[in-house]
């Protein structure tokens, strides 16, 4: 299924941003600032940017601000903590069969507007054990949850599953 933003043509800023990221990645991986490496990196970044051009509209969700790198680092820390907690929770449920497992599908509402932001949120949820993003429908994600307490409603599920991720993702993605 095509996403509405797939119909938009990427702006020159998207091409420039993509080129800059690819070139920076080349320089970091090359580990040198020799002229021949920089030229090869620039050529490779140009070719990849031109080939990927039609797909660059997804980058419209990136926020370019001085605080964006800080939000990215905070998101990565939040994700790491959630990953460790959820792994321990699932391990505890496996090792203690008497603990309740009440699987269910819940809706989680997101304020993220960009397809890239929603995709990162859905993937963050899926990568933490005990949750699995099933679908994204508008501003809501369908999530299979390993322990869905009876009577769970939208606001509670959103707080429990995605609020901490979304708070930091919204700092560097729309």
C-alpha atoms as a PDB file:
ATOM      1  CA  UNK A   1       0.000   0.000   0.000  1.00  0.00           C
ATOM      2  CA  UNK A   2       1.409   3.377  -0.986  1.00  0.00           C
ATOM      3  CA  UNK A   3       1.673   6.075   1.589  1.00  0.00           C
ATOM      4  CA  UNK A   4       0.344   9.558   0.705  1.00  0.00           C
ATOM      5  CA  UNK A   5       3.816  11.072   1.086  1.00  0.00           C
ATOM      6  CA  UNK A   6       5.143   8.671  -1.558  1.00  0.00           C
ATOM      7  CA  UNK A   7       3.408  10.832  -4.194  1.00  0.00           C
ATOM      8  CA  UNK A   8       5.373  13.935  -3.246  1.00  0.00           C
ATOM      9  CA  UNK A   9       8.577  14.728  -5.057  1.00  0.00           C
ATOM     10  CA  UNK A  10      11.605  15.213  -2.853  1.00  0.00           C
ATOM     11  CA  UNK A  11      12.879  18.762  -2.593  1.00  0.00           C
ATOM     12  CA  UNK A  12      16.467  19.780  -3.365  1.00  0.00           C
ATOM     13  CA  UNK A  13      17.006  19.971   0.412  1.00  0.00           C
ATOM     14  CA  UNK A  14      16.252  16.236   0.664  1.00  0.00           C
ATOM     15  CA  UNK A  15      18.866  15.499  -1.997  1.00  0.00           C
ATOM     16  CA  UNK A  16      21.399  17.707  -0.237  1.00  0.00           C
ATOM     17  CA  UNK A  17      20.674  16.146   3.162  1.00  0.00           C
ATOM     18  CA  UNK A  18      20.959  12.637   1.719  1.00  0.00           C
ATOM     19  CA  UNK A  19      24.235  13.483  -0.024  1.00  0.00           C
ATOM     20  CA  UNK A  20      25.665  15.001   3.174  1.00  0.00           C
ATOM     21  CA  UNK A  21      24.745  11.984   5.294  1.00  0.00           C
ATOM     22  CA  UNK A  22      26.144   9.531   2.759  1.00  0.00           C
ATOM     23  CA  UNK A  23      29.335  11.514   2.305  1.00  0.00           C
ATOM     24  CA  UNK A  24      29.817  11.815   6.073  1.00  0.00           C
ATOM     25  CA  UNK A  25      29.282   8.070   6.421  1.00  0.00           C
ATOM     26  CA  UNK A  26      31.906   7.459   3.726  1.00  0.00           C
ATOM     27  CA  UNK A  27      34.431   9.703   5.473  1.00  0.00           C
ATOM     28  CA  UNK A  28      33.805   8.015   8.822  1.00  0.00           C
ATOM     29  CA  UNK A  29      34.172   4.535   7.336  1.00  0.00           C
ATOM     30  CA  UNK A  30      37.241   5.474   5.273  1.00  0.00           C
ATOM     31  CA  UNK A  31      38.920   6.931   8.350  1.00  0.00           C
ATOM     32  CA  UNK A  32      41.055   9.309   6.307  1.00  0.00           C
ATOM     33  CA  UNK A  33      40.821  12.737   4.723  1.00  0.00           C
ATOM     34  CA  UNK A  34      43.038  11.937   1.743  1.00  0.00           C
ATOM     35  CA  UNK A  35      41.978  13.704  -1.435  1.00  0.00           C
ATOM     36  CA  UNK A  36      41.390  10.500  -3.425  1.00  0.00           C
ATOM     37  CA  UNK A  37      39.134   9.095  -0.669  1.00  0.00           C
ATOM     38  CA  UNK A  38      37.143  12.334  -0.478  1.00  0.00           C
ATOM     39  CA  UNK A  39      36.644  12.380  -4.262  1.00  0.00           C
ATOM     40  CA  UNK A  40      35.612   8.706  -4.307  1.00  0.00           C
ATOM     41  CA  UNK A  41      33.250   9.334  -1.386  1.00  0.00           C
ATOM     42  CA  UNK A  42      31.683  12.355  -3.075  1.00  0.00           C
ATOM     43  CA  UNK A  43      31.163  10.400  -6.319  1.00  0.00           C
ATOM     44  CA  UNK A  44      29.658   7.435  -4.484  1.00  0.00           C
ATOM     45  CA  UNK A  45      27.374   9.714  -2.445  1.00  0.00           C
ATOM     46  CA  UNK A  46      26.199  11.511  -5.612  1.00  0.00           C
ATOM     47  CA  UNK A  47      25.423   8.240  -7.409  1.00  0.00           C
ATOM     48  CA  UNK A  48      23.548   6.755  -4.455  1.00  0.00           C
ATOM     49  CA  UNK A  49      21.661  10.022  -3.879  1.00  0.00           C
ATOM     50  CA  UNK A  50      20.540  10.151  -7.516  1.00  0.00           C
ATOM     51  CA  UNK A  51      19.511   6.487  -7.530  1.00  0.00           C
ATOM     52  CA  UNK A  52      17.607   6.855  -4.247  1.00  0.00           C
ATOM     53  CA  UNK A  53      16.084  10.196  -5.308  1.00  0.00           C
ATOM     54  CA  UNK A  54      12.481   9.040  -5.683  1.00  0.00           C
ATOM     55  CA  UNK A  55      12.541   7.627  -2.139  1.00  0.00           C
ATOM     56  CA  UNK A  56      13.956  10.731  -0.451  1.00  0.00           C
ATOM     57  CA  UNK A  57      10.534  12.216   0.409  1.00  0.00           C
ATOM     58  CA  UNK A  58      10.580  10.097   3.588  1.00  0.00           C
ATOM     59  CA  UNK A  59      13.358  12.384   4.857  1.00  0.00           C
ATOM     60  CA  UNK A  60      10.860  15.228   5.105  1.00  0.00           C
ATOM     61  CA  UNK A  61      10.205  13.949   8.626  1.00  0.00           C
ATOM     62  CA  UNK A  62      13.705  14.802   9.850  1.00  0.00           C
ATOM     63  CA  UNK A  63      13.976  17.833  12.139  1.00  0.00           C
ATOM     64  CA  UNK A  64      17.170  19.759  11.561  1.00  0.00           C
ATOM     65  CA  UNK A  65      17.715  21.686  14.767  1.00  0.00           C
ATOM     66  CA  UNK A  66      20.587  22.147  17.216  1.00  0.00           C
ATOM     67  CA  UNK A  67      18.775  19.981  19.789  1.00  0.00           C
ATOM     68  CA  UNK A  68      18.012  17.104  17.391  1.00  0.00           C
ATOM     69  CA  UNK A  69      21.244  15.184  18.171  1.00  0.00           C
ATOM     70  CA  UNK A  70      20.518  15.440  21.904  1.00  0.00           C
ATOM     71  CA  UNK A  71      16.999  14.071  21.379  1.00  0.00           C
ATOM     72  CA  UNK A  72      18.448  11.246  19.270  1.00  0.00           C
ATOM     73  CA  UNK A  73      20.875  10.314  22.054  1.00  0.00           C
ATOM     74  CA  UNK A  74      18.062  10.482  24.645  1.00  0.00           C
ATOM     75  CA  UNK A  75      15.906   8.280  22.419  1.00  0.00           C
ATOM     76  CA  UNK A  76      18.696   5.708  22.108  1.00  0.00           C
ATOM     77  CA  UNK A  77      19.118   5.681  25.902  1.00  0.00           C
ATOM     78  CA  UNK A  78      15.359   5.336  26.419  1.00  0.00           C
ATOM     79  CA  UNK A  79      15.242   2.528  23.875  1.00  0.00           C
ATOM     80  CA  UNK A  80      18.130   0.700  25.571  1.00  0.00           C
ATOM     81  CA  UNK A  81      16.436   0.916  28.993  1.00  0.00           C
ATOM     82  CA  UNK A  82      13.103  -0.274  27.533  1.00  0.00           C
ATOM     83  CA  UNK A  83      14.874  -3.109  25.745  1.00  0.00           C
ATOM     84  CA  UNK A  84      16.552  -4.319  28.943  1.00  0.00           C
ATOM     85  CA  UNK A  85      13.350  -3.999  31.015  1.00  0.00           C
ATOM     86  CA  UNK A  86      11.220  -5.827  28.473  1.00  0.00           C
ATOM     87  CA  UNK A  87      13.790  -8.605  28.056  1.00  0.00           C
ATOM     88  CA  UNK A  88      13.859  -9.115  31.832  1.00  0.00           C
ATOM     89  CA  UNK A  89      10.041  -9.088  31.958  1.00  0.00           C
ATOM     90  CA  UNK A  90       9.694 -11.703  29.223  1.00  0.00           C
ATOM     91  CA  UNK A  91      12.456 -13.834  30.772  1.00  0.00           C
ATOM     92  CA  UNK A  92      10.686 -13.629  34.143  1.00  0.00           C
ATOM     93  CA  UNK A  93       7.414 -14.760  32.532  1.00  0.00           C
ATOM     94  CA  UNK A  94       9.161 -17.690  30.840  1.00  0.00           C
ATOM     95  CA  UNK A  95      10.963 -18.780  34.023  1.00  0.00           C
ATOM     96  CA  UNK A  96       7.883 -18.293  36.230  1.00  0.00           C
ATOM     97  CA  UNK A  97       4.955 -19.973  34.454  1.00  0.00           C
ATOM     98  CA  UNK A  98       2.543 -18.866  37.191  1.00  0.00           C
ATOM     99  CA  UNK A  99       2.863 -15.218  36.080  1.00  0.00           C
ATOM    100  CA  UNK A 100      -0.094 -14.142  33.991  1.00  0.00           C
ATOM    101  CA  UNK A 101       0.205 -13.830  30.251  1.00  0.00           C
ATOM    102  CA  UNK A 102      -2.822 -11.973  28.943  1.00  0.00           C
ATOM    103  CA  UNK A 103      -2.076 -11.293  25.280  1.00  0.00           C
ATOM    104  CA  UNK A 104      -4.170  -8.778  23.439  1.00  0.00           C
ATOM    105  CA  UNK A 105      -4.218  -6.301  20.606  1.00  0.00           C
ATOM    106  CA  UNK A 106      -4.422  -2.663  21.648  1.00  0.00           C
ATOM    107  CA  UNK A 107      -4.455   0.639  19.835  1.00  0.00           C
ATOM    108  CA  UNK A 108      -1.753   3.151  20.597  1.00  0.00           C
ATOM    109  CA  UNK A 109      -2.231   6.748  19.522  1.00  0.00           C
ATOM    110  CA  UNK A 110       0.720   8.757  18.219  1.00  0.00           C
ATOM    111  CA  UNK A 111       1.280  12.468  17.744  1.00  0.00           C
ATOM    112  CA  UNK A 112       4.065  11.837  15.237  1.00  0.00           C
ATOM    113  CA  UNK A 113       3.105  13.193  11.824  1.00  0.00           C
ATOM    114  CA  UNK A 114       5.794  11.898   9.460  1.00  0.00           C
ATOM    115  CA  UNK A 115       5.868   8.393   7.989  1.00  0.00           C
ATOM    116  CA  UNK A 116       9.491   8.118   9.127  1.00  0.00           C
ATOM    117  CA  UNK A 117       8.580   9.040  12.718  1.00  0.00           C
ATOM    118  CA  UNK A 118       5.697   6.569  12.814  1.00  0.00           C
ATOM    119  CA  UNK A 119       7.855   3.861  11.274  1.00  0.00           C
ATOM    120  CA  UNK A 120      10.602   4.395  13.879  1.00  0.00           C
ATOM    121  CA  UNK A 121       8.027   4.303  16.680  1.00  0.00           C
ATOM    122  CA  UNK A 122       6.480   1.079  15.323  1.00  0.00           C
ATOM    123  CA  UNK A 123       9.916  -0.519  14.953  1.00  0.00           C
ATOM    124  CA  UNK A 124      10.928   0.585  18.456  1.00  0.00           C
ATOM    125  CA  UNK A 125       7.815  -1.074  19.843  1.00  0.00           C
ATOM    126  CA  UNK A 126       8.403  -4.247  17.828  1.00  0.00           C
ATOM    127  CA  UNK A 127      12.050  -4.527  18.864  1.00  0.00           C
ATOM    128  CA  UNK A 128      11.199  -4.582  22.564  1.00  0.00           C
ATOM    129  CA  UNK A 129      10.158  -8.108  23.603  1.00  0.00           C
ATOM    130  CA  UNK A 130       6.543  -8.533  24.617  1.00  0.00           C
ATOM    131  CA  UNK A 131       5.178  -6.115  22.020  1.00  0.00           C
ATOM    132  CA  UNK A 132       4.699  -6.352  18.277  1.00  0.00           C
ATOM    133  CA  UNK A 133       3.467  -3.586  15.989  1.00  0.00           C
ATOM    134  CA  UNK A 134       0.898  -5.057  13.640  1.00  0.00           C
ATOM    135  CA  UNK A 135      -0.256  -2.078  11.586  1.00  0.00           C
ATOM    136  CA  UNK A 136      -0.226   1.703  11.357  1.00  0.00           C
ATOM    137  CA  UNK A 137      -3.591   3.240  10.584  1.00  0.00           C
ATOM    138  CA  UNK A 138      -3.536   7.034  10.517  1.00  0.00           C
ATOM    139  CA  UNK A 139      -2.410   8.257  13.930  1.00  0.00           C
ATOM    140  CA  UNK A 140      -2.883   4.860  15.600  1.00  0.00           C
ATOM    141  CA  UNK A 141      -0.706   1.779  15.812  1.00  0.00           C
ATOM    142  CA  UNK A 142      -2.137  -1.669  16.395  1.00  0.00           C
ATOM    143  CA  UNK A 143       0.114  -3.450  18.874  1.00  0.00           C
ATOM    144  CA  UNK A 144       0.044  -7.043  20.097  1.00  0.00           C
ATOM    145  CA  UNK A 145       0.917  -6.859  23.787  1.00  0.00           C
ATOM    146  CA  UNK A 146       2.007  -9.903  25.831  1.00  0.00           C
ATOM    147  CA  UNK A 147       0.320  -8.673  29.010  1.00  0.00           C
ATOM    148  CA  UNK A 148      -2.752  -6.612  28.270  1.00  0.00           C
ATOM    149  CA  UNK A 149      -4.588  -6.031  31.555  1.00  0.00           C
ATOM    150  CA  UNK A 150      -8.376  -6.310  31.315  1.00  0.00           C
ATOM    151  CA  UNK A 151     -10.107  -3.031  30.486  1.00  0.00           C
ATOM    152  CA  UNK A 152      -7.019  -1.434  28.941  1.00  0.00           C
ATOM    153  CA  UNK A 153      -8.049   1.660  27.029  1.00  0.00           C
ATOM    154  CA  UNK A 154      -6.294   3.828  24.461  1.00  0.00           C
ATOM    155  CA  UNK A 155      -4.727   6.369  26.832  1.00  0.00           C
ATOM    156  CA  UNK A 156      -3.335   3.714  29.190  1.00  0.00           C
ATOM    157  CA  UNK A 157      -1.916   1.586  26.369  1.00  0.00           C
ATOM    158  CA  UNK A 158      -0.336   4.666  24.767  1.00  0.00           C
ATOM    159  CA  UNK A 159       1.321   5.670  28.054  1.00  0.00           C
ATOM    160  CA  UNK A 160       2.574   2.172  28.780  1.00  0.00           C
ATOM    161  CA  UNK A 161       3.849   1.236  25.336  1.00  0.00           C
ATOM    162  CA  UNK A 162       4.909   4.297  23.369  1.00  0.00           C
ATOM    163  CA  UNK A 163       4.929   7.534  25.355  1.00  0.00           C
ATOM    164  CA  UNK A 164       8.598   7.463  26.354  1.00  0.00           C
ATOM    165  CA  UNK A 165       9.752   6.619  22.818  1.00  0.00           C
ATOM    166  CA  UNK A 166       7.532   9.237  21.219  1.00  0.00           C
ATOM    167  CA  UNK A 167       8.663  12.019  23.539  1.00  0.00           C
ATOM    168  CA  UNK A 168      12.257  11.682  22.325  1.00  0.00           C
ATOM    169  CA  UNK A 169      11.507  10.734  18.692  1.00  0.00           C
ATOM    170  CA  UNK A 170       9.481  13.942  18.307  1.00  0.00           C
ATOM    171  CA  UNK A 171      12.670  15.894  19.058  1.00  0.00           C
ATOM    172  CA  UNK A 172      14.392  14.752  15.868  1.00  0.00           C
ATOM    173  CA  UNK A 173      11.499  13.519  13.677  1.00  0.00           C
ATOM    174  CA  UNK A 174       8.130  15.091  12.920  1.00  0.00           C
END
